[in-house]
Amino acid sequence: MDILNRLIDSMQDDLVKSVQKLVQIKSVKGEKRPSFPFGEGPAQALGEALKIGEGLGFKTKNIDNYVGYIEYGTGKKMIAILGHLDVVPEGTGWNFPPYTAEIHQGKIYGRGTMDDKGPILAALYGLKAIKEAGIKFSQRVRILFGTNEESGSYDIKYYLEQGGEIPQVGFTPDGNYPVVNSEKGIICFDVVKHFRRKSSPIIVKYIRGGIAVNIVPDYCEAKLQIEDMNLKEEIIKKLRQFIQEKGYKIKIKKKDKFLILKSKGIAAHAMEPEKGQNAIMQLISFLDTLNLGSTDVVDYLHWLTENIGMENNGYSLGINCKDENGALTLNLGMIDLDKNKGMVRINPRYPYSFKGSDILAKVKVKAQTANIKIENVMDSPALFFPLNHPLIRTLVRVFEEQTGQRAKPLAIGGGTYAKVMPNIVAFGPQFPGKPVVEHQPNEYIEIKDLILDAKIYAQAIYELSQMKGKL
């Protein structure tokens, strides 16, 4: 593989510039419009990725702005590499602008650098090295660019519905090295309550927080209407005591007859909620200590505090579970509450040995006791490949040969395209021991890691092409 590694080294500047071009496109999911199934940003990013592919000498195809791909070689069978160009919202707390792709100390900063624009372009340039080396395969290699992985993977589902070809084998560069052999099941649902009993000396005008269900929310804001000045001062005093006891970051501002509370937490990927600090539940936990009267809002906030609180394991909700591949995690990612209705969006992730339907059933029983509804349910079942599967063994060997490191396959809480496309596993780009930066402020990819990714993916494509009848 020395020739491929040398060719990739010679392409470093071009690869970095291509990543910068893609990152500079804000490809957060937007409003559906004619020709833009997930908004203009993801479609624009897809167009740019295909343009980069054409510039590298590959033939391309755009499938209705859902998915596009480049292809190399001939043959009846196909190897696929799937990556996504959509990104989660940028949020706040960035040291560098999230869509300028600035380079500082050997790192490209920006939303999507690591998840997943940088890695899928690394795979593209790995294939370019194979093409430049004149290596021929008996199978075709297809690199697919998706546009909706962060919001349900309806892009790949559309591809399959349209008769899109299923690969014999492949990977998605959207997980961890040396390879991911198990992905937890992922559930998303709304916890909804309509408010009828509203009379109270303290009126909750709104509570808003979170930008996506798969991000631990780092900001939440509430507005309280209070006519009694003495009561207002009492709440301010209680908040000071609460902050001193808990150590949470919640600020309060007086404005006429209103109090505005601003809670700050720490963002993290929902697959590892323990690494974050949930700003929404910080604020709700405080509001639950106040005497807000006997209203549906009070009941709703109390239910959230009692059944979720600051936990990230689902214990109080009665859904905690674990197996040899890990334990259930839970993230309350978003809240939208006004005088008429409250809604929070919750994201449990459960290990392979359990069923999403059983977990949801337990949640619904808990919700019924408080006249709360569970709506907009999505359940993506867990994924598992045996350790001795040829695909797993091959990718582990490639990683070890390129890095000199020995490592074991992993189970992760993140969900990837491997769940919706058969014969695919997640392979990189997260190196062992490196900090997780996906879905967080100041997301970046180290340039040296980007180049190593391209080398790993080039060898992986070559090795998979040699497997033939082994699967």
Protein backbone atom coordinates (compact mmCIF):
# COMPACT_ATOMS: atom_id res chain seq x y z
CA MET A 1 0.00 0.00 0.00
CA ASP A 2 3.04 2.29 -0.06
CA ILE A 3 2.14 3.65 -3.49
CA LEU A 4 -1.34 4.61 -2.30
CA ASN A 5 0.04 6.30 0.81
CA ARG A 6 2.52 8.32 -1.27
CA LEU A 7 -0.19 9.40 -3.71
CA ILE A 8 -2.42 10.50 -0.83
CA ASP A 9 0.44 12.53 0.68
CA SER A 10 0.77 14.33 -2.65
CA MET A 11 -2.95 15.18 -2.59
CA GLN A 12 -2.97 16.66 0.92
CA ASP A 13 -3.44 20.31 -0.07
CA ASP A 14 -6.21 19.47 -2.52
CA LEU A 15 -8.03 17.33 0.04
CA VAL A 16 -7.87 20.07 2.67
CA LYS A 17 -9.22 22.67 0.24
CA SER A 18 -12.07 20.37 -0.76
CA VAL A 19 -13.03 19.84 2.89
CA GLN A 20 -13.01 23.60 3.43
CA LYS A 21 -15.31 24.14 0.45
CA LEU A 22 -17.86 21.66 1.79
CA VAL A 23 -17.71 22.91 5.37
CA GLN A 24 -18.35 26.46 4.19
CA ILE A 25 -21.82 25.34 3.06
CA LYS A 26 -24.34 25.45 5.91
CA SER A 27 -26.10 22.14 5.30
CA VAL A 28 -28.45 22.01 8.28
CA LYS A 29 -31.84 20.50 7.46
CA GLY A 30 -34.19 23.19 6.17
CA GLU A 31 -37.70 23.61 4.86
CA LYS A 32 -38.77 21.15 2.18
CA ARG A 33 -39.16 22.82 -1.21
CA PRO A 34 -39.48 21.64 -4.80
CA SER A 35 -36.19 19.89 -5.71
CA PHE A 36 -34.93 20.39 -2.13
CA PRO A 37 -36.29 17.50 -0.02
CA PHE A 38 -34.29 18.55 3.05
CA GLY A 39 -33.83 22.24 2.32
CA GLU A 40 -31.44 24.18 0.16
CA GLY A 41 -28.29 23.72 2.30
CA PRO A 42 -28.00 19.92 2.07
CA ALA A 43 -28.76 20.03 -1.68
CA GLN A 44 -26.08 22.67 -2.20
CA ALA A 45 -23.56 20.56 -0.31
CA LEU A 46 -24.47 17.54 -2.44
CA GLY A 47 -23.93 19.53 -5.60
CA GLU A 48 -20.51 20.65 -4.38
CA ALA A 49 -19.47 17.11 -3.40
CA LEU A 50 -20.42 15.78 -6.83
CA LYS A 51 -18.55 18.67 -8.45
CA ILE A 52 -15.44 17.70 -6.46
CA GLY A 53 -15.91 14.09 -7.60
CA GLU A 54 -16.19 15.14 -11.23
CA GLY A 55 -13.04 17.21 -10.86
CA LEU A 56 -11.22 14.08 -9.70
CA GLY A 57 -12.29 12.25 -12.84
CA PHE A 58 -15.22 10.17 -11.57
CA LYS A 59 -18.64 9.79 -13.13
CA THR A 60 -21.43 11.05 -10.89
CA LYS A 61 -25.18 10.77 -10.37
CA ASN A 62 -27.63 12.90 -8.37
CA ILE A 63 -30.81 11.12 -7.24
CA ASP A 64 -33.31 13.96 -6.79
CA ASN A 65 -31.10 15.77 -4.27
CA TYR A 66 -31.66 12.97 -1.75
CA VAL A 67 -28.44 11.11 -2.47
CA GLY A 68 -25.65 11.41 -4.99
CA TYR A 69 -22.74 9.17 -5.77
CA ILE A 70 -19.51 8.79 -7.68
CA GLU A 71 -18.50 5.45 -9.13
CA TYR A 72 -15.28 3.78 -10.20
CA GLY A 73 -14.66 0.58 -12.12
CA THR A 74 -16.85 -2.07 -13.71
CA GLY A 75 -18.44 -5.32 -12.66
CA LYS A 76 -21.75 -6.71 -11.49
CA LYS A 77 -21.03 -6.44 -7.76
CA MET A 78 -20.51 -3.20 -5.86
CA ILE A 79 -18.59 -2.00 -2.81
CA ALA A 80 -20.08 1.09 -1.14
CA ILE A 81 -18.82 3.82 1.13
CA LEU A 82 -21.59 5.99 2.60
CA GLY A 83 -21.10 9.40 4.15
CA HIS A 84 -23.43 12.27 4.94
CA LEU A 85 -23.22 15.95 4.09
CA ASP A 86 -25.99 17.24 6.36
CA VAL A 87 -24.95 18.60 9.74
CA VAL A 88 -26.59 19.34 13.07
CA PRO A 89 -27.20 23.03 13.92
CA GLU A 90 -24.07 24.86 14.99
CA GLY A 91 -25.34 26.12 18.37
CA THR A 92 -23.29 28.61 20.36
CA GLY A 93 -19.89 28.80 22.04
CA TRP A 94 -17.60 28.71 19.01
CA ASN A 95 -14.12 30.23 19.12
CA PHE A 96 -14.01 30.28 15.30
CA PRO A 97 -16.93 30.77 12.90
CA PRO A 98 -18.64 27.40 12.28
CA TYR A 99 -18.89 27.81 8.50
CA THR A 100 -15.59 29.36 7.44
CA ALA A 101 -13.41 26.24 7.86
CA GLU A 102 -10.49 28.16 9.34
CA ILE A 103 -7.23 26.31 10.00
CA HIS A 104 -5.56 26.78 13.37
CA GLN A 105 -2.65 24.72 14.72
CA GLY A 106 -3.11 21.95 12.18
CA LYS A 107 -6.87 21.64 12.64
CA ILE A 108 -9.73 22.56 10.31
CA TYR A 109 -12.53 24.02 12.42
CA GLY A 110 -16.19 23.98 11.45
CA ARG A 111 -19.48 22.15 11.67
CA GLY A 112 -19.16 18.94 9.67
CA THR A 113 -15.37 18.73 9.61
CA MET A 114 -15.45 15.49 11.60
CA ASP A 115 -19.10 14.58 11.11
CA ASP A 116 -19.06 13.74 8.26
CA LYS A 117 -17.74 15.94 5.44
CA GLY A 118 -14.04 15.50 6.17
CA PRO A 119 -14.13 11.69 6.47
CA ILE A 120 -16.25 11.04 3.36
CA LEU A 121 -13.93 13.25 1.32
CA ALA A 122 -10.99 11.31 2.78
CA ALA A 123 -12.60 8.18 1.35
CA LEU A 124 -13.09 9.93 -1.99
CA TYR A 125 -9.42 10.91 -2.19
CA GLY A 126 -8.45 7.39 -1.09
CA LEU A 127 -10.34 6.11 -4.13
CA LYS A 128 -8.67 8.77 -6.25
CA ALA A 129 -5.29 7.35 -5.20
CA ILE A 130 -6.45 3.89 -6.29
CA LYS A 131 -7.50 5.33 -9.64
CA GLU A 132 -4.19 7.17 -10.09
CA ALA A 133 -2.27 3.99 -9.26
CA GLY A 134 -4.13 2.22 -12.05
CA ILE A 135 -5.53 -0.49 -9.77
CA LYS A 136 -8.44 -2.33 -11.38
CA PHE A 137 -11.19 -4.20 -9.54
CA SER A 138 -13.66 -6.88 -10.58
CA GLN A 139 -16.30 -4.93 -8.60
CA ARG A 140 -17.45 -1.36 -8.86
CA VAL A 141 -16.78 1.08 -6.02
CA ARG A 142 -19.50 3.59 -5.22
CA ILE A 143 -19.15 6.49 -2.79
CA LEU A 144 -22.57 7.74 -1.75
CA PHE A 145 -23.17 11.22 -0.36
CA GLY A 146 -26.31 11.42 1.78
CA THR A 147 -28.16 14.52 2.95
CA ASN A 148 -30.37 13.41 5.87
CA GLU A 149 -28.41 11.17 8.20
CA GLU A 150 -28.82 13.51 11.18
CA SER A 151 -32.62 13.57 10.87
CA GLY A 152 -33.71 10.02 10.15
CA SER A 153 -31.71 8.79 7.12
CA TYR A 154 -34.71 9.23 4.83
CA ASP A 155 -32.19 9.89 2.06
CA ILE A 156 -30.92 6.30 2.02
CA LYS A 157 -34.45 4.98 2.46
CA TYR A 158 -35.43 6.96 -0.66
CA TYR A 159 -32.40 5.58 -2.52
CA LEU A 160 -33.51 2.02 -1.72
CA GLU A 161 -37.16 2.76 -2.58
CA GLN A 162 -36.03 4.02 -5.98
CA GLY A 163 -34.30 0.71 -6.65
CA GLY A 164 -30.86 1.85 -5.54
CA GLU A 165 -28.30 -0.93 -5.65
CA ILE A 166 -27.42 -2.69 -2.40
CA PRO A 167 -23.67 -3.21 -1.93
CA GLN A 168 -22.05 -6.56 -1.42
CA VAL A 169 -20.04 -4.98 1.37
CA GLY A 170 -18.81 -1.57 2.54
CA PHE A 171 -18.50 0.96 5.34
CA THR A 172 -19.51 4.40 6.53
CA PRO A 173 -16.74 6.69 7.86
CA ASP A 174 -18.98 7.96 10.64
CA GLY A 175 -18.05 6.02 13.76
CA ASN A 176 -14.90 4.76 15.45
CA TYR A 177 -11.72 2.85 14.74
CA PRO A 178 -10.82 0.06 14.57
CA VAL A 179 -14.43 -0.72 13.55
CA VAL A 180 -17.92 -0.62 15.04
CA ASN A 181 -19.52 -4.05 15.23
CA SER A 182 -22.55 -3.00 17.31
CA GLU A 183 -24.72 0.12 17.33
CA LYS A 184 -27.34 0.74 19.97
CA GLY A 185 -30.97 1.06 19.06
CA ILE A 186 -32.17 4.65 18.90
CA ILE A 187 -35.61 5.89 19.91
CA CYS A 188 -36.89 9.45 19.58
CA PHE A 189 -40.27 10.60 20.83
CA ASP A 190 -42.17 13.66 22.04
CA VAL A 191 -43.59 13.90 25.56
CA VAL A 192 -46.65 16.13 25.18
CA LYS A 193 -49.22 17.60 27.56
CA HIS A 194 -52.01 20.07 26.79
CA PHE A 195 -52.64 22.57 29.56
CA ARG A 196 -56.17 23.25 30.76
CA ARG A 197 -55.79 24.20 34.44
CA LYS A 198 -53.86 27.46 34.19
CA SER A 199 -54.73 29.72 37.13
CA SER A 200 -51.60 30.54 39.16
CA PRO A 201 -49.85 33.52 40.79
CA ILE A 202 -46.84 32.62 38.61
CA ILE A 203 -47.52 32.18 34.91
CA VAL A 204 -44.97 30.32 32.81
CA LYS A 205 -45.08 32.23 29.51
CA TYR A 206 -42.61 29.96 27.78
CA ILE A 207 -39.72 27.56 28.18
CA ARG A 208 -37.50 27.01 25.14
CA GLY A 209 -34.25 25.17 24.77
CA GLY A 210 -32.21 22.75 22.70
CA ILE A 211 -31.43 22.70 18.98
CA ALA A 212 -31.61 18.97 18.18
CA VAL A 213 -32.69 15.80 19.96
CA ASN A 214 -29.26 14.22 19.46
CA ILE A 215 -27.39 17.02 21.24
CA VAL A 216 -27.28 17.59 24.99
CA PRO A 217 -28.79 21.11 25.22
CA ASP A 218 -26.41 23.81 26.38
CA TYR A 219 -29.03 26.58 26.65
CA CYS A 220 -32.59 26.95 27.91
CA GLU A 221 -34.67 30.03 28.66
CA ALA A 222 -37.90 30.56 30.60
CA LYS A 223 -40.12 33.61 31.05
CA LEU A 224 -42.27 33.93 34.17
CA GLN A 225 -45.03 36.49 34.65
CA ILE A 226 -45.38 37.59 38.29
CA GLU A 227 -47.52 40.48 39.50
CA ASP A 228 -46.48 40.32 43.16
CA MET A 229 -43.13 42.10 43.67
CA ASN A 230 -42.48 40.30 46.96
CA LEU A 231 -42.99 36.95 45.25
CA LYS A 232 -40.59 37.98 42.53
CA GLU A 233 -37.86 38.77 45.06
CA GLU A 234 -38.54 35.49 46.84
CA ILE A 235 -37.94 33.57 43.60
CA ILE A 236 -34.68 35.42 42.98
CA LYS A 237 -33.54 34.48 46.49
CA LYS A 238 -34.52 30.84 45.97
CA LEU A 239 -32.58 30.70 42.71
CA ARG A 240 -29.42 31.96 44.41
CA GLN A 241 -29.74 29.24 47.04
CA PHE A 242 -30.46 26.62 44.37
CA ILE A 243 -27.39 27.62 42.35
CA GLN A 244 -25.22 27.53 45.44
CA GLU A 245 -26.44 24.03 46.29
CA LYS A 246 -26.31 22.53 42.80
CA GLY A 247 -23.54 24.48 41.09
CA TYR A 248 -25.66 25.06 37.98
CA LYS A 249 -25.26 28.11 35.77
CA ILE A 250 -28.64 29.89 35.73
CA LYS A 251 -28.96 33.64 35.41
CA ILE A 252 -32.07 35.68 36.16
CA LYS A 253 -33.17 39.05 34.80
CA LYS A 254 -35.99 41.31 35.99
CA LYS A 255 -38.03 43.01 33.28
CA ASP A 256 -41.22 44.82 34.34
CA LYS A 257 -43.58 42.13 35.67
CA PHE A 258 -41.48 39.33 34.21
CA LEU A 259 -38.52 37.24 35.28
CA ILE A 260 -36.37 35.74 32.52
CA LEU A 261 -34.23 32.78 33.50
CA LYS A 262 -31.31 31.66 31.35
CA SER A 263 -29.75 28.27 31.97
CA LYS A 264 -26.38 27.32 30.51
CA GLY A 265 -25.10 23.77 30.26
CA ILE A 266 -22.52 21.84 28.27
CA ALA A 267 -23.24 20.43 24.81
CA ALA A 268 -22.35 16.83 23.97
CA HIS A 269 -23.40 14.13 21.53
CA ALA A 270 -26.52 12.30 22.72
CA MET A 271 -24.67 8.98 22.44
CA GLU A 272 -22.54 10.14 25.41
CA PRO A 273 -24.88 12.40 27.42
CA GLU A 274 -22.79 11.94 30.55
CA LYS A 275 -20.17 14.20 28.95
CA GLY A 276 -22.63 17.10 28.80
CA GLN A 277 -24.70 19.15 31.22
CA ASN A 278 -28.39 19.43 30.37
CA ALA A 279 -29.45 23.08 30.48
CA ILE A 280 -33.14 22.23 30.07
CA MET A 281 -33.35 19.92 33.04
CA GLN A 282 -31.29 22.29 35.19
CA LEU A 283 -33.95 24.93 34.68
CA ILE A 284 -36.93 22.58 35.05
CA SER A 285 -35.45 21.18 38.26
CA PHE A 286 -35.40 24.70 39.69
CA LEU A 287 -38.92 25.56 38.54
CA ASP A 288 -40.14 22.37 40.20
CA THR A 289 -38.97 23.76 43.57
CA LEU A 290 -41.26 26.80 43.26
CA ASN A 291 -44.83 27.04 44.46
CA LEU A 292 -46.43 27.54 41.06
CA GLY A 293 -49.90 26.55 42.24
CA SER A 294 -52.04 23.64 41.08
CA THR A 295 -51.88 23.70 37.30
CA ASP A 296 -51.20 21.33 34.41
CA VAL A 297 -47.89 23.11 33.81
CA VAL A 298 -46.82 22.30 37.37
CA ASP A 299 -47.81 18.65 36.94
CA TYR A 300 -45.88 18.44 33.67
CA LEU A 301 -42.69 19.97 35.04
CA HIS A 302 -42.91 17.79 38.14
CA TRP A 303 -43.31 14.65 35.99
CA LEU A 304 -40.19 15.57 34.02
CA THR A 305 -38.23 16.23 37.20
CA GLU A 306 -39.34 13.02 38.90
CA ASN A 307 -38.92 10.73 35.90
CA ILE A 308 -35.89 12.23 34.14
CA GLY A 309 -34.23 14.97 36.15
CA MET A 310 -30.48 15.12 35.57
CA GLU A 311 -30.22 11.38 34.90
CA ASN A 312 -28.87 10.06 31.62
CA ASN A 313 -29.57 6.34 32.19
CA GLY A 314 -33.39 6.19 32.24
CA TYR A 315 -33.47 4.78 35.80
CA SER A 316 -36.36 6.85 37.18
CA LEU A 317 -38.28 6.38 33.94
CA GLY A 318 -37.98 2.63 34.47
CA ILE A 319 -36.12 1.87 31.24
CA ASN A 320 -32.51 1.46 32.40
CA CYS A 321 -30.93 -1.70 30.98
CA LYS A 322 -27.55 -3.01 29.84
CA ASP A 323 -25.77 -5.96 28.25
CA GLU A 324 -22.18 -6.78 27.28
CA ASN A 325 -22.34 -4.09 24.56
CA GLY A 326 -23.20 -1.26 26.93
CA ALA A 327 -26.01 0.42 28.86
CA LEU A 328 -29.02 2.48 27.85
CA THR A 329 -28.45 6.22 27.68
CA LEU A 330 -31.06 8.96 27.61
CA ASN A 331 -31.00 12.55 26.44
CA LEU A 332 -33.77 15.13 26.75
CA GLY A 333 -32.74 17.29 23.84
CA MET A 334 -35.44 19.91 23.22
CA ILE A 335 -38.31 21.73 24.93
CA ASP A 336 -41.03 23.99 23.55
CA LEU A 337 -43.56 25.06 26.17
CA ASP A 338 -46.11 27.87 26.20
CA LYS A 339 -49.35 28.60 28.04
CA ASN A 340 -51.27 25.98 26.05
CA LYS A 341 -48.94 23.02 25.62
CA GLY A 342 -45.66 21.52 26.67
CA MET A 343 -43.44 19.33 24.48
CA VAL A 344 -40.04 17.81 25.13
CA ARG A 345 -38.19 15.53 22.71
CA ILE A 346 -36.35 12.59 24.22
CA ASN A 347 -33.71 10.27 22.78
CA PRO A 348 -32.99 6.94 24.56
CA ARG A 349 -30.34 4.63 23.04
CA TYR A 350 -30.57 0.97 24.03
CA PRO A 351 -28.22 -2.03 23.73
CA TYR A 352 -28.63 -4.85 21.23
CA SER A 353 -30.21 -7.38 23.60
CA PHE A 354 -33.33 -5.25 24.14
CA LYS A 355 -36.32 -4.15 22.07
CA GLY A 356 -37.41 -0.59 21.46
CA SER A 357 -41.08 -1.61 21.69
CA ASP A 358 -40.59 -2.87 25.26
CA ILE A 359 -38.86 0.35 26.27
CA LEU A 360 -41.57 2.50 24.72
CA ALA A 361 -44.28 0.48 26.46
CA LYS A 362 -42.74 1.27 29.85
CA VAL A 363 -42.52 4.98 29.02
CA LYS A 364 -46.17 5.06 27.94
CA VAL A 365 -47.30 3.48 31.22
CA LYS A 366 -45.44 6.17 33.16
CA ALA A 367 -46.86 8.92 30.95
CA GLN A 368 -50.47 7.76 31.29
CA THR A 369 -50.39 8.36 35.04
CA ALA A 370 -50.02 12.10 34.34
CA ASN A 371 -52.28 12.33 31.26
CA ILE A 372 -49.20 12.81 29.11
CA LYS A 373 -49.05 11.63 25.51
CA ILE A 374 -46.13 10.03 23.68
CA GLU A 375 -46.06 11.21 20.05
CA ASN A 376 -43.86 11.23 16.92
CA VAL A 377 -42.14 7.98 17.79
CA MET A 378 -39.12 6.81 15.80
CA ASP A 379 -37.35 3.55 16.59
CA SER A 380 -34.20 2.44 14.80
CA PRO A 381 -33.33 -1.09 16.03
CA ALA A 382 -29.85 -2.00 17.20
CA LEU A 383 -27.23 -3.44 14.84
CA PHE A 384 -24.77 -6.26 15.49
CA PHE A 385 -22.00 -8.00 13.50
CA PRO A 386 -20.13 -10.97 15.06
CA LEU A 387 -16.45 -10.37 15.80
CA ASN A 388 -15.46 -13.13 13.37
CA HIS A 389 -17.42 -11.67 10.47
CA PRO A 390 -15.09 -11.26 7.44
CA LEU A 391 -15.95 -7.56 7.11
CA ILE A 392 -15.08 -6.90 10.76
CA ARG A 393 -11.84 -8.90 10.59
CA THR A 394 -10.71 -7.21 7.38
CA LEU A 395 -11.27 -3.66 8.62
CA VAL A 396 -9.56 -4.33 11.95
CA ARG A 397 -6.53 -5.66 10.06
CA VAL A 398 -6.41 -2.60 7.79
CA PHE A 399 -6.50 -0.28 10.79
CA GLU A 400 -3.72 -2.17 12.56
CA GLU A 401 -1.49 -2.24 9.48
CA GLN A 402 -1.88 1.49 8.78
CA THR A 403 -1.52 2.71 12.38
CA GLY A 404 0.55 0.07 14.15
CA GLN A 405 -2.08 0.09 16.90
CA ARG A 406 -3.99 -2.92 18.15
CA ALA A 407 -7.60 -2.37 19.14
CA LYS A 408 -10.87 -4.26 19.58
CA PRO A 409 -14.14 -3.66 17.72
CA LEU A 410 -16.50 -1.32 19.51
CA ALA A 411 -20.14 -0.95 20.41
CA ILE A 412 -21.34 2.66 20.17
CA GLY A 413 -24.40 4.67 21.11
CA GLY A 414 -24.34 6.64 17.88
CA GLY A 415 -26.46 5.65 14.91
CA THR A 416 -25.08 5.53 11.38
CA TYR A 417 -26.09 4.61 7.84
CA ALA A 418 -25.13 1.03 8.73
CA LYS A 419 -28.62 0.64 10.18
CA VAL A 420 -30.40 1.48 6.94
CA MET A 421 -28.05 0.06 4.31
CA PRO A 422 -27.38 -3.72 4.41
CA ASN A 423 -23.81 -5.07 4.62
CA ILE A 424 -22.34 -1.82 5.99
CA VAL A 425 -20.48 -1.06 9.24
CA ALA A 426 -19.11 2.17 10.71
CA PHE A 427 -15.34 2.46 10.27
CA GLY A 428 -13.58 5.52 11.70
CA PRO A 429 -12.90 8.43 11.76
CA GLN A 430 -12.68 8.61 15.56
CA PHE A 431 -9.24 7.39 16.62
CA PRO A 432 -8.81 5.67 20.00
CA GLY A 433 -8.06 8.14 22.78
CA LYS A 434 -8.96 11.26 20.79
CA PRO A 435 -11.60 13.67 22.17
CA VAL A 436 -15.13 13.45 20.78
CA VAL A 437 -15.91 16.72 18.97
CA GLU A 438 -18.97 15.80 16.90
CA HIS A 439 -22.13 17.79 17.68
CA GLN A 440 -20.14 20.16 19.89
CA PRO A 441 -18.93 23.76 19.57
CA ASN A 442 -15.50 24.05 17.94
CA GLU A 443 -15.82 20.79 16.02
CA TYR A 444 -12.59 20.13 14.12
CA ILE A 445 -10.58 17.53 12.30
CA GLU A 446 -6.81 17.33 12.56
CA ILE A 447 -5.22 17.51 9.12
CA LYS A 448 -2.78 14.71 9.92
CA ASP A 449 -5.72 12.51 10.93
CA LEU A 450 -7.61 13.46 7.77
CA ILE A 451 -4.68 12.28 5.66
CA LEU A 452 -4.36 9.08 7.70
CA ASP A 453 -8.09 8.51 7.20
CA ALA A 454 -7.60 8.69 3.44
CA LYS A 455 -4.79 6.12 3.61
CA ILE A 456 -6.83 3.77 5.79
CA TYR A 457 -9.87 4.07 3.54
CA ALA A 458 -7.83 3.52 0.39
CA GLN A 459 -6.42 0.27 1.75
CA ALA A 460 -9.83 -0.74 3.08
CA ILE A 461 -11.42 -0.29 -0.35
CA TYR A 462 -8.64 -2.35 -1.93
CA GLU A 463 -8.91 -5.15 0.66
CA LEU A 464 -12.70 -5.31 0.40
CA SER A 465 -12.38 -5.63 -3.36
CA GLN A 466 -10.29 -8.76 -2.81
CA MET A 467 -12.80 -10.50 -0.53
CA LYS A 468 -15.02 -11.72 -3.38
CA GLY A 469 -16.80 -14.87 -2.21
CA LYS A 470 -15.77 -14.69 1.45
CA LEU A 471 -18.98 -13.00 2.59
